[in-house]
Amino acid sequence: MTYIAKPKFHHPGLKKNDLGYTHRDYEGKISTLCAGCGHDSITASIIEACYELSIEPHRVAKISGIGCSSKTPDYFLGNSHGFNSVHGRMPSVLTGANLANRDLIYLGVSGDGDSASIGFGQFAHSIRRGVNMTYIVENNGVYGLTKGQFSATADRGSKSKKGVTNTDNAIDLVAIALQLGATFVARSFSGDKTQLVPLIAAAIRHKGASFIDVISPCIAFNNHAGSTKSFDYVREHNDAVNRLDVLVGRDPIAVDYAPGTVQMVEQHDGSKIALRKIDADYDPHDRLGAQTFLAKHAAKGQIVTGLLYVDPDAEDLHEHLNTVETPLNTLEADTLCPGSAALDKFNASLR
């Protein structure tokens, strides 16, 4: 339970990263989710990604909405900034925080009910504006907190635990993110940590709107035969287009892939993504091609995972608005209020 503190004692020989932190320094409280919940696997992947990137926890702001997924920020990065907003409103809270302080690393954690229903409009506007963030949707296709009703991402024809068939068409958040201009788009599976950890790490290092849709089975209400979000279904229908490694700093690049199968993508901050192609015909720089690829495979009942699209030259909201490099929340009064002469000059320029 979250009111039970984790023991502070740990083995003195725990492995440390470049900052001298262990995995324990990136953990939070004890999870209250159901044992075996896919969301806890995502939490573990976030912890691993932040540990590998040697991120200072106090430089992270984690924002969430309402739902099982939105409880998870309490379970990682306990020494980070955090804000648990209301249902569907995480994107606007994150946007405001980002505009006020551009120096923090923003993690938005949401769910399919939170982002694809009541928060659908908020999701859309944060993506199209290019907010510099990593937006993770923990997608289980149901409302787990209210006993398993279909969410907007539930596939048409899938069956609930009670045997009810879903007759509504599903919202594909990855397809929507691509259409709205997200500059880093990926999909993964909570049961595939090998794929998910580097995806999260690459998204954090990306400058711009990064979106990751993670299929995360609800073991209580959506892990049965007939569900298209169950562990067995996702494993059987997973079509991974690539695998990737995130290379940080100036260390020599060493990869053990066969020649000609790895593409290096350099991001704004100098980090590199080593992208190993699995599907020879897939191009992660082709937005329209990614949309077509998704649609074709969805028609065959296949779940496409991996890094689906990335723009290494992306811009974020601050560049669009031409804001100053100094975080707005640190500007002094004389900068914010330059005086009547400056105001008169500005008004004259508008006449």
Protein backbone atom coordinates (compact mmCIF):
# COMPACT_ATOMS: atom_id res chain seq x y z
CA MET A 1 0.00 0.00 0.00
CA THR A 2 1.14 3.57 -0.68
CA TYR A 3 1.07 4.41 3.04
CA ILE A 4 3.67 1.71 3.70
CA ALA A 5 7.14 3.15 3.23
CA LYS A 6 9.67 1.11 1.31
CA PRO A 7 12.58 0.07 3.52
CA LYS A 8 15.51 2.44 3.20
CA PHE A 9 18.03 -0.35 3.60
CA HIS A 10 19.51 -1.68 0.39
CA HIS A 11 22.53 -3.69 -0.61
CA PRO A 12 25.65 -1.48 -0.69
CA GLY A 13 26.76 -3.15 -3.91
CA LEU A 14 23.80 -2.00 -6.01
CA LYS A 15 24.86 -0.84 -9.46
CA LYS A 16 25.04 2.95 -9.88
CA ASN A 17 24.68 5.17 -12.93
CA ASP A 18 26.84 8.14 -13.96
CA LEU A 19 25.29 10.33 -11.23
CA GLY A 20 25.89 7.74 -8.52
CA TYR A 21 22.19 6.86 -8.27
CA THR A 22 20.81 3.32 -8.00
CA HIS A 23 17.46 2.08 -9.29
CA ARG A 24 16.07 2.67 -5.80
CA ASP A 25 16.61 6.42 -6.25
CA TYR A 26 14.15 6.37 -9.16
CA GLU A 27 11.42 4.41 -7.42
CA GLY A 28 8.33 5.76 -5.68
CA LYS A 29 5.78 4.30 -3.31
CA ILE A 30 4.50 0.73 -3.26
CA SER A 31 1.97 0.09 -6.02
CA THR A 32 -1.68 -0.48 -5.08
CA LEU A 33 -2.60 -1.85 -8.52
CA CYS A 34 -3.68 -5.46 -9.02
CA ALA A 35 -0.81 -7.95 -8.87
CA GLY A 36 0.34 -8.58 -12.43
CA CYS A 37 -1.08 -5.33 -13.85
CA GLY A 38 0.66 -4.26 -17.05
CA HIS A 39 0.88 -0.72 -15.71
CA ASP A 40 3.43 -1.81 -13.10
CA SER A 41 5.61 -3.12 -15.93
CA ILE A 42 5.45 0.31 -17.57
CA THR A 43 6.44 1.90 -14.27
CA ALA A 44 9.47 -0.40 -14.13
CA SER A 45 10.38 0.58 -17.69
CA ILE A 46 10.18 4.30 -16.87
CA ILE A 47 12.43 3.74 -13.84
CA GLU A 48 14.92 1.82 -15.97
CA ALA A 49 14.93 4.45 -18.74
CA CYS A 50 15.54 7.33 -16.30
CA TYR A 51 18.27 5.34 -14.55
CA GLU A 52 20.03 4.57 -17.83
CA LEU A 53 19.84 8.22 -18.93
CA SER A 54 21.25 9.35 -15.55
CA ILE A 55 18.46 11.88 -15.13
CA GLU A 56 18.38 13.93 -11.95
CA PRO A 57 14.95 13.13 -10.44
CA HIS A 58 14.34 16.73 -9.36
CA ARG A 59 14.50 17.81 -13.03
CA VAL A 60 11.41 15.75 -13.89
CA ALA A 61 7.78 16.86 -13.70
CA LYS A 62 5.29 14.01 -13.93
CA ILE A 63 1.68 14.97 -14.67
CA SER A 64 -1.32 12.65 -14.78
CA GLY A 65 -5.11 12.62 -14.94
CA ILE A 66 -7.53 10.11 -13.38
CA GLY A 67 -7.59 6.33 -13.68
CA CYS A 68 -5.46 3.27 -12.91
CA SER A 69 -2.78 4.62 -15.24
CA SER A 70 -2.81 8.04 -13.63
CA LYS A 71 -2.08 6.52 -10.23
CA THR A 72 1.26 5.16 -11.44
CA PRO A 73 3.35 8.38 -11.19
CA ASP A 74 3.14 7.83 -7.44
CA TYR A 75 5.11 4.63 -7.95
CA PHE A 76 8.16 6.07 -9.74
CA LEU A 77 10.52 9.03 -9.30
CA GLY A 78 9.44 9.79 -5.77
CA ASN A 79 11.80 12.79 -5.60
CA SER A 80 10.39 14.47 -8.72
CA HIS A 81 7.79 17.18 -9.16
CA GLY A 82 4.29 15.77 -9.61
CA PHE A 83 0.73 16.87 -10.23
CA ASN A 84 -2.32 14.58 -10.34
CA SER A 85 -4.92 16.60 -12.25
CA VAL A 86 -8.60 15.91 -12.94
CA HIS A 87 -10.04 13.48 -15.49
CA GLY A 88 -8.81 14.22 -19.01
CA ARG A 89 -7.07 17.48 -18.11
CA MET A 90 -3.48 16.31 -17.84
CA PRO A 91 -2.41 17.77 -21.24
CA SER A 92 -3.47 21.35 -20.44
CA VAL A 93 -1.85 21.26 -17.00
CA LEU A 94 1.35 19.91 -18.55
CA THR A 95 1.24 22.56 -21.30
CA GLY A 96 0.94 25.35 -18.76
CA ALA A 97 3.75 23.99 -16.63
CA ASN A 98 5.97 23.59 -19.69
CA LEU A 99 5.34 27.17 -20.78
CA ALA A 100 6.20 28.44 -17.30
CA ASN A 101 9.37 26.37 -16.89
CA ARG A 102 10.95 24.97 -20.03
CA ASP A 103 13.95 23.58 -18.11
CA LEU A 104 12.12 20.58 -16.65
CA ILE A 105 11.63 17.19 -18.30
CA TYR A 106 7.90 16.55 -18.67
CA LEU A 107 6.34 13.09 -18.40
CA GLY A 108 2.61 12.96 -19.08
CA VAL A 109 1.03 9.67 -17.97
CA SER A 110 -2.52 8.92 -19.01
CA GLY A 111 -4.87 6.11 -19.95
CA ASP A 112 -7.18 5.25 -22.81
CA GLY A 113 -10.24 6.48 -20.93
CA ASP A 114 -8.41 9.61 -19.80
CA SER A 115 -7.01 10.53 -23.25
CA ALA A 116 -9.37 8.96 -25.79
CA SER A 117 -12.68 9.97 -24.21
CA ILE A 118 -13.11 12.87 -21.79
CA GLY A 119 -9.61 14.17 -22.54
CA PHE A 120 -9.59 13.56 -26.30
CA GLY A 121 -9.64 17.25 -27.17
CA GLN A 122 -6.93 18.03 -24.63
CA PHE A 123 -4.78 15.23 -26.05
CA ALA A 124 -5.23 16.52 -29.59
CA HIS A 125 -4.30 20.13 -28.84
CA SER A 126 -1.19 19.27 -26.82
CA ILE A 127 0.06 17.09 -29.67
CA ARG A 128 -0.66 19.56 -32.48
CA ARG A 129 1.01 22.39 -30.54
CA GLY A 130 4.24 20.42 -30.26
CA VAL A 131 4.62 20.61 -26.49
CA ASN A 132 8.04 19.29 -25.48
CA MET A 133 6.94 16.25 -23.50
CA THR A 134 6.84 12.48 -23.34
CA TYR A 135 3.16 11.52 -23.41
CA ILE A 136 2.58 7.89 -22.38
CA VAL A 137 -0.84 6.27 -22.66
CA GLU A 138 -1.22 3.04 -20.69
CA ASN A 139 -3.84 1.47 -22.92
CA ASN A 140 -5.91 -1.45 -21.63
CA GLY A 141 -9.14 -0.86 -23.56
CA VAL A 142 -11.38 -0.70 -20.47
CA TYR A 143 -12.29 1.48 -17.52
CA GLY A 144 -10.55 -0.57 -14.84
CA LEU A 145 -11.55 1.61 -11.88
CA THR A 146 -15.26 1.29 -12.73
CA LYS A 147 -15.31 -2.47 -13.34
CA GLY A 148 -14.41 -2.99 -16.97
CA GLN A 149 -16.65 -1.02 -19.33
CA PHE A 150 -15.26 -0.65 -22.87
CA SER A 151 -13.12 2.43 -23.43
CA ALA A 152 -12.86 4.34 -26.71
CA THR A 153 -9.77 2.31 -27.74
CA ALA A 154 -11.53 -1.05 -27.45
CA ASP A 155 -11.58 -2.74 -30.86
CA ARG A 156 -14.87 -3.33 -32.59
CA GLY A 157 -15.85 -6.97 -32.19
CA SER A 158 -13.85 -7.53 -29.02
CA LYS A 159 -15.67 -9.09 -26.09
CA SER A 160 -15.89 -7.96 -22.50
CA LYS A 161 -15.32 -10.29 -19.56
CA LYS A 162 -19.10 -10.68 -19.31
CA GLY A 163 -19.33 -11.71 -22.97
CA VAL A 164 -20.69 -8.42 -24.36
CA THR A 165 -19.45 -7.58 -27.87
CA ASN A 166 -18.21 -4.06 -28.56
CA THR A 167 -20.08 -2.55 -31.52
CA ASP A 168 -18.27 0.82 -31.60
CA ASN A 169 -15.28 1.62 -33.78
CA ALA A 170 -12.01 2.13 -31.90
CA ILE A 171 -9.97 5.32 -31.67
CA ASP A 172 -6.35 4.64 -32.64
CA LEU A 173 -4.36 7.19 -30.66
CA VAL A 174 -1.18 6.43 -32.61
CA ALA A 175 -2.92 7.22 -35.90
CA ILE A 176 -4.35 10.42 -34.40
CA ALA A 177 -0.92 11.48 -33.07
CA LEU A 178 0.59 10.97 -36.53
CA GLN A 179 -2.18 13.00 -38.17
CA LEU A 180 -1.83 15.85 -35.66
CA GLY A 181 1.90 16.25 -36.17
CA ALA A 182 3.59 14.47 -33.27
CA THR A 183 7.30 14.28 -34.06
CA PHE A 184 8.02 11.06 -32.16
CA VAL A 185 5.39 8.32 -32.31
CA ALA A 186 5.73 4.79 -30.99
CA ARG A 187 3.69 1.85 -29.78
CA SER A 188 4.81 -0.90 -27.46
CA PHE A 189 3.59 -3.65 -25.16
CA SER A 190 3.97 -3.60 -21.39
CA GLY A 191 5.19 -7.20 -21.53
CA ASP A 192 8.12 -6.30 -23.80
CA LYS A 193 10.55 -4.36 -21.59
CA THR A 194 13.38 -4.88 -24.08
CA GLN A 195 11.46 -2.80 -26.61
CA LEU A 196 9.76 -0.37 -24.24
CA VAL A 197 12.73 0.91 -22.19
CA PRO A 198 14.72 2.32 -25.14
CA LEU A 199 11.52 3.77 -26.64
CA ILE A 200 10.87 5.72 -23.43
CA ALA A 201 14.51 6.81 -23.23
CA ALA A 202 14.48 8.01 -26.85
CA ALA A 203 11.19 9.85 -26.30
CA ILE A 204 12.59 11.67 -23.27
CA ARG A 205 15.63 12.79 -25.26
CA HIS A 206 13.50 13.93 -28.21
CA LYS A 207 12.72 17.63 -28.49
CA GLY A 208 9.04 18.04 -29.35
CA ALA A 209 5.82 16.11 -28.86
CA SER A 210 6.72 12.47 -28.12
CA PHE A 211 3.84 10.01 -27.89
CA ILE A 212 3.96 6.35 -26.85
CA ASP A 213 0.89 4.13 -26.83
CA VAL A 214 1.59 1.13 -24.59
CA ILE A 215 -0.81 -1.81 -24.75
CA SER A 216 -1.15 -2.76 -21.08
CA PRO A 217 -3.54 -5.65 -20.35
CA CYS A 218 -5.96 -5.25 -17.46
CA ILE A 219 -5.71 -8.62 -15.73
CA ALA A 220 -8.94 -8.04 -13.81
CA PHE A 221 -11.29 -7.07 -16.65
CA ASN A 222 -9.61 -7.44 -20.06
CA ASN A 223 -7.26 -10.41 -20.13
CA HIS A 224 -9.62 -13.11 -21.39
CA ALA A 225 -10.37 -14.92 -24.64
CA GLY A 226 -12.12 -12.51 -27.01
CA SER A 227 -10.18 -9.48 -25.80
CA THR A 228 -7.79 -7.79 -28.24
CA LYS A 229 -5.86 -6.20 -25.35
CA SER A 230 -4.98 -9.43 -23.50
CA PHE A 231 -1.44 -10.71 -22.96
CA ASP A 232 -2.00 -13.71 -25.23
CA TYR A 233 -3.63 -11.71 -28.06
CA VAL A 234 -0.94 -9.02 -28.14
CA ARG A 235 1.86 -11.58 -28.11
CA GLU A 236 0.25 -13.50 -30.98
CA HIS A 237 -0.53 -10.42 -33.11
CA ASN A 238 2.48 -8.20 -32.35
CA ASP A 239 4.24 -7.00 -35.52
CA ALA A 240 7.38 -5.11 -34.46
CA VAL A 241 8.80 -2.95 -37.26
CA ASN A 242 12.12 -2.18 -35.51
CA ARG A 243 14.18 -2.29 -32.33
CA LEU A 244 16.32 0.56 -31.06
CA ASP A 245 19.08 1.55 -28.68
CA VAL A 246 19.66 5.07 -27.30
CA LEU A 247 23.27 6.20 -27.34
CA VAL A 248 24.10 9.18 -25.10
CA GLY A 249 27.26 11.25 -25.01
CA ARG A 250 30.45 10.87 -26.99
CA ASP A 251 31.30 7.26 -26.17
CA PRO A 252 32.32 5.07 -29.12
CA ILE A 253 29.32 3.57 -30.85
CA ALA A 254 29.40 -0.22 -30.81
CA VAL A 255 26.53 -2.30 -32.21
CA ASP A 256 26.37 -6.00 -32.92
CA TYR A 257 23.81 -5.84 -35.71
CA ALA A 258 24.49 -7.15 -39.19
CA PRO A 259 25.94 -4.51 -41.57
CA GLY A 260 23.33 -2.46 -43.37
CA THR A 261 20.51 -3.13 -40.92
CA VAL A 262 21.08 -0.21 -38.54
CA GLN A 263 20.15 3.41 -39.17
CA MET A 264 21.59 6.12 -36.90
CA VAL A 265 19.24 9.01 -36.08
CA GLU A 266 20.77 12.01 -34.28
CA GLN A 267 18.47 14.11 -32.10
CA HIS A 268 18.67 17.78 -31.07
CA ASP A 269 20.55 17.09 -27.85
CA GLY A 270 23.25 15.05 -29.57
CA SER A 271 21.95 11.65 -28.46
CA LYS A 272 21.64 9.02 -31.17
CA ILE A 273 19.04 6.36 -31.84
CA ALA A 274 20.42 3.13 -33.29
CA LEU A 275 17.39 1.85 -35.19
CA ARG A 276 17.49 -1.82 -36.14
CA LYS A 277 15.04 -2.57 -38.92
CA ILE A 278 12.93 -5.71 -38.75
CA ASP A 279 10.54 -4.84 -41.58
CA ALA A 280 12.80 -4.04 -44.52
CA ASP A 281 10.16 -1.87 -46.22
CA TYR A 282 9.38 0.34 -43.23
CA ASP A 283 10.66 3.94 -43.13
CA PRO A 284 10.24 5.68 -39.71
CA HIS A 285 10.79 9.10 -41.33
CA ASP A 286 7.74 8.80 -43.61
CA ARG A 287 4.67 10.11 -41.76
CA LEU A 288 2.21 9.22 -44.52
CA GLY A 289 3.83 5.82 -44.99
CA ALA A 290 3.48 5.13 -41.25
CA GLN A 291 -0.23 5.96 -41.36
CA THR A 292 -0.77 3.66 -44.34
CA PHE A 293 1.26 0.87 -42.73
CA LEU A 294 -0.80 1.11 -39.53
CA ALA A 295 -4.11 1.03 -41.39
CA LYS A 296 -3.15 -2.00 -43.49
CA HIS A 297 -2.00 -4.02 -40.49
CA ALA A 298 -4.96 -2.97 -38.35
CA ALA A 299 -7.27 -4.33 -41.07
CA LYS A 300 -5.53 -7.69 -40.64
CA GLY A 301 -5.88 -7.59 -36.84
CA GLN A 302 -2.18 -7.00 -36.27
CA ILE A 303 -0.72 -4.63 -33.66
CA VAL A 304 2.22 -2.66 -35.03
CA THR A 305 4.84 -1.84 -32.40
CA GLY A 306 8.19 -0.06 -32.37
CA LEU A 307 9.31 3.45 -33.32
CA LEU A 308 6.75 4.31 -35.98
CA TYR A 309 7.79 7.87 -36.80
CA VAL A 310 10.50 10.32 -35.76
CA ASP A 311 11.47 13.78 -37.00
CA PRO A 312 15.03 14.47 -35.80
CA ASP A 313 14.70 18.17 -36.72
CA ALA A 314 11.49 18.83 -34.83
CA GLU A 315 10.60 22.11 -33.13
CA ASP A 316 8.62 22.52 -29.94
CA LEU A 317 6.00 24.97 -28.68
CA HIS A 318 8.57 27.41 -27.30
CA GLU A 319 10.17 27.75 -30.72
CA HIS A 320 6.77 28.26 -32.32
CA LEU A 321 5.99 31.05 -29.84
CA ASN A 322 9.53 32.47 -29.93
CA THR A 323 9.76 32.58 -26.13
CA VAL A 324 12.96 33.55 -24.34
CA GLU A 325 15.45 30.89 -23.27
CA THR A 326 15.04 31.89 -19.61
CA PRO A 327 12.16 30.01 -17.96
CA LEU A 328 9.21 32.40 -17.69
CA ASN A 329 8.71 31.64 -14.00
CA THR A 330 12.19 33.03 -13.23
CA LEU A 331 11.88 36.37 -15.04
CA GLU A 332 12.26 39.39 -12.78
CA ALA A 333 9.73 42.22 -12.47
CA ASP A 334 11.83 44.70 -14.45
CA THR A 335 11.89 42.27 -17.38
CA LEU A 336 8.19 41.54 -17.24
CA CYS A 337 7.25 45.23 -16.73
CA PRO A 338 9.73 47.29 -18.82
CA GLY A 339 7.85 50.56 -18.25
CA SER A 340 5.48 52.89 -20.06
CA ALA A 341 8.00 53.89 -22.75
CA ALA A 342 8.33 50.31 -23.92
CA LEU A 343 4.55 49.91 -23.85
CA ASP A 344 4.05 53.08 -25.92
CA LYS A 345 6.59 51.84 -28.48
CA PHE A 346 4.84 48.49 -28.72
CA ASN A 347 1.41 50.07 -29.13
CA ALA A 348 2.76 52.39 -31.82
CA SER A 349 4.05 49.39 -33.79
CA LEU A 350 0.49 48.03 -33.98
CA ARG A 351 -1.03 51.19 -35.45
